[in-house]
Protein backbone atom coordinates (compact mmCIF):
# COMPACT_ATOMS: atom_id res chain seq x y z
CA UNK A 1 28.22 4.95 -14.19
CA UNK A 2 25.53 6.52 -12.00
CA UNK A 3 24.51 4.88 -8.75
CA UNK A 4 21.60 2.51 -8.96
CA UNK A 5 18.48 3.68 -7.07
CA UNK A 6 18.26 2.82 -3.42
CA UNK A 7 15.29 0.50 -2.89
CA UNK A 8 13.98 -0.27 0.58
CA UNK A 9 11.29 -2.94 0.92
CA UNK A 10 8.67 -1.59 3.32
CA UNK A 11 6.59 -4.76 3.39
CA UNK A 12 3.32 -6.03 1.98
CA UNK A 13 -0.33 -6.40 2.87
CA UNK A 14 -1.39 -9.77 1.53
CA UNK A 15 -4.59 -11.79 1.39
CA UNK A 16 -5.67 -14.81 -0.63
CA UNK A 17 -7.21 -12.54 -3.29
CA UNK A 18 -4.61 -9.79 -3.61
CA UNK A 19 -1.55 -8.04 -2.29
CA UNK A 20 -0.03 -4.58 -2.00
CA UNK A 21 3.77 -4.37 -1.80
CA UNK A 22 5.38 -1.09 -0.69
CA UNK A 23 8.92 -0.03 -1.65
CA UNK A 24 10.70 3.26 -0.87
CA UNK A 25 12.84 4.31 -3.83
CA UNK A 26 15.59 7.04 -3.86
CA UNK A 27 17.35 7.90 -7.11
CA UNK A 28 21.04 8.73 -7.31
CA UNK A 29 20.04 12.39 -7.53
CA UNK A 30 18.09 12.18 -4.26
CA UNK A 31 14.57 12.16 -5.69
CA UNK A 32 12.36 9.78 -3.73
CA UNK A 33 8.93 8.21 -3.97
CA UNK A 34 6.90 5.29 -2.53
CA UNK A 35 6.18 2.56 -5.06
CA UNK A 36 3.01 0.54 -4.53
CA UNK A 37 2.63 -2.70 -6.51
CA UNK A 38 -0.77 -4.44 -6.57
CA UNK A 39 -0.97 -8.07 -7.56
CA UNK A 40 -3.36 -10.98 -7.81
CA UNK A 41 -1.70 -14.14 -6.41
CA UNK A 42 -4.42 -16.36 -7.89
CA UNK A 43 -3.42 -15.45 -11.47
CA UNK A 44 0.30 -15.34 -12.07
CA UNK A 45 -0.20 -14.67 -15.80
CA UNK A 46 -2.14 -11.45 -15.18
CA UNK A 47 -0.11 -8.30 -14.78
CA UNK A 48 -0.52 -6.18 -11.71
CA UNK A 49 -0.58 -2.45 -11.28
CA UNK A 50 2.04 -0.06 -9.98
CA UNK A 51 1.53 3.41 -8.48
CA UNK A 52 4.32 5.77 -7.58
CA UNK A 53 3.50 8.21 -4.78
CA UNK A 54 5.30 11.56 -4.43
CA UNK A 55 5.12 13.59 -1.20
CA UNK A 56 1.54 14.72 -1.85
CA UNK A 57 0.31 11.27 -2.82
CA UNK A 58 1.96 9.76 0.25
CA UNK A 59 0.40 12.40 2.56
CA UNK A 60 -3.00 11.66 0.98
CA UNK A 61 -2.52 7.91 1.51
CA UNK A 62 -1.71 8.51 5.20
CA UNK A 63 -4.87 10.66 5.52
CA UNK A 64 -6.98 7.92 3.91
CA UNK A 65 -5.57 5.27 6.28
CA UNK A 66 -6.17 7.56 9.27
CA UNK A 67 -9.73 8.15 8.05
CA UNK A 68 -10.28 4.43 7.68
CA UNK A 69 -8.95 3.89 11.25
CA UNK A 70 -11.31 6.51 12.56
CA UNK A 71 -14.36 4.93 10.80
CA UNK A 72 -13.37 1.44 11.98
CA UNK A 73 -12.98 2.64 15.59
CA UNK A 74 -16.32 4.42 15.54
CA UNK A 75 -18.18 1.49 14.02
CA UNK A 76 -16.63 -0.91 16.58
CA UNK A 77 -17.69 1.42 19.43
CA UNK A 78 -21.25 1.51 17.95
CA UNK A 79 -21.27 -2.30 17.82
CA UNK A 80 -21.71 -2.36 14.03
CA UNK A 81 -18.47 -4.32 13.40
CA UNK A 82 -17.76 -7.62 14.97
CA UNK A 83 -14.63 -8.39 12.96
CA UNK A 84 -12.95 -7.52 9.68
CA UNK A 85 -12.92 -10.48 7.29
CA UNK A 86 -13.04 -11.04 3.54
CA UNK A 87 -16.54 -11.70 2.19
CA UNK A 88 -15.59 -15.18 0.92
């Protein structure tokens, strides 16, 4: 019987209106990816979405996060952001 995949919970980003859960998965053959599950905690009956990121997708995600950090830092310096909150 082959080994079950190794699954490492990387954590979640959660709000009242949604969540993203990140899991690192490694198959018995050594193939790995980052699994991202999106969910809506206000509607347990509704299915969420799952995305599996390979090396290129993961690198792109890191670049997007870095870009967001840069924009946020610039807008704070310009005084255009007071705080980051949900619109409701």
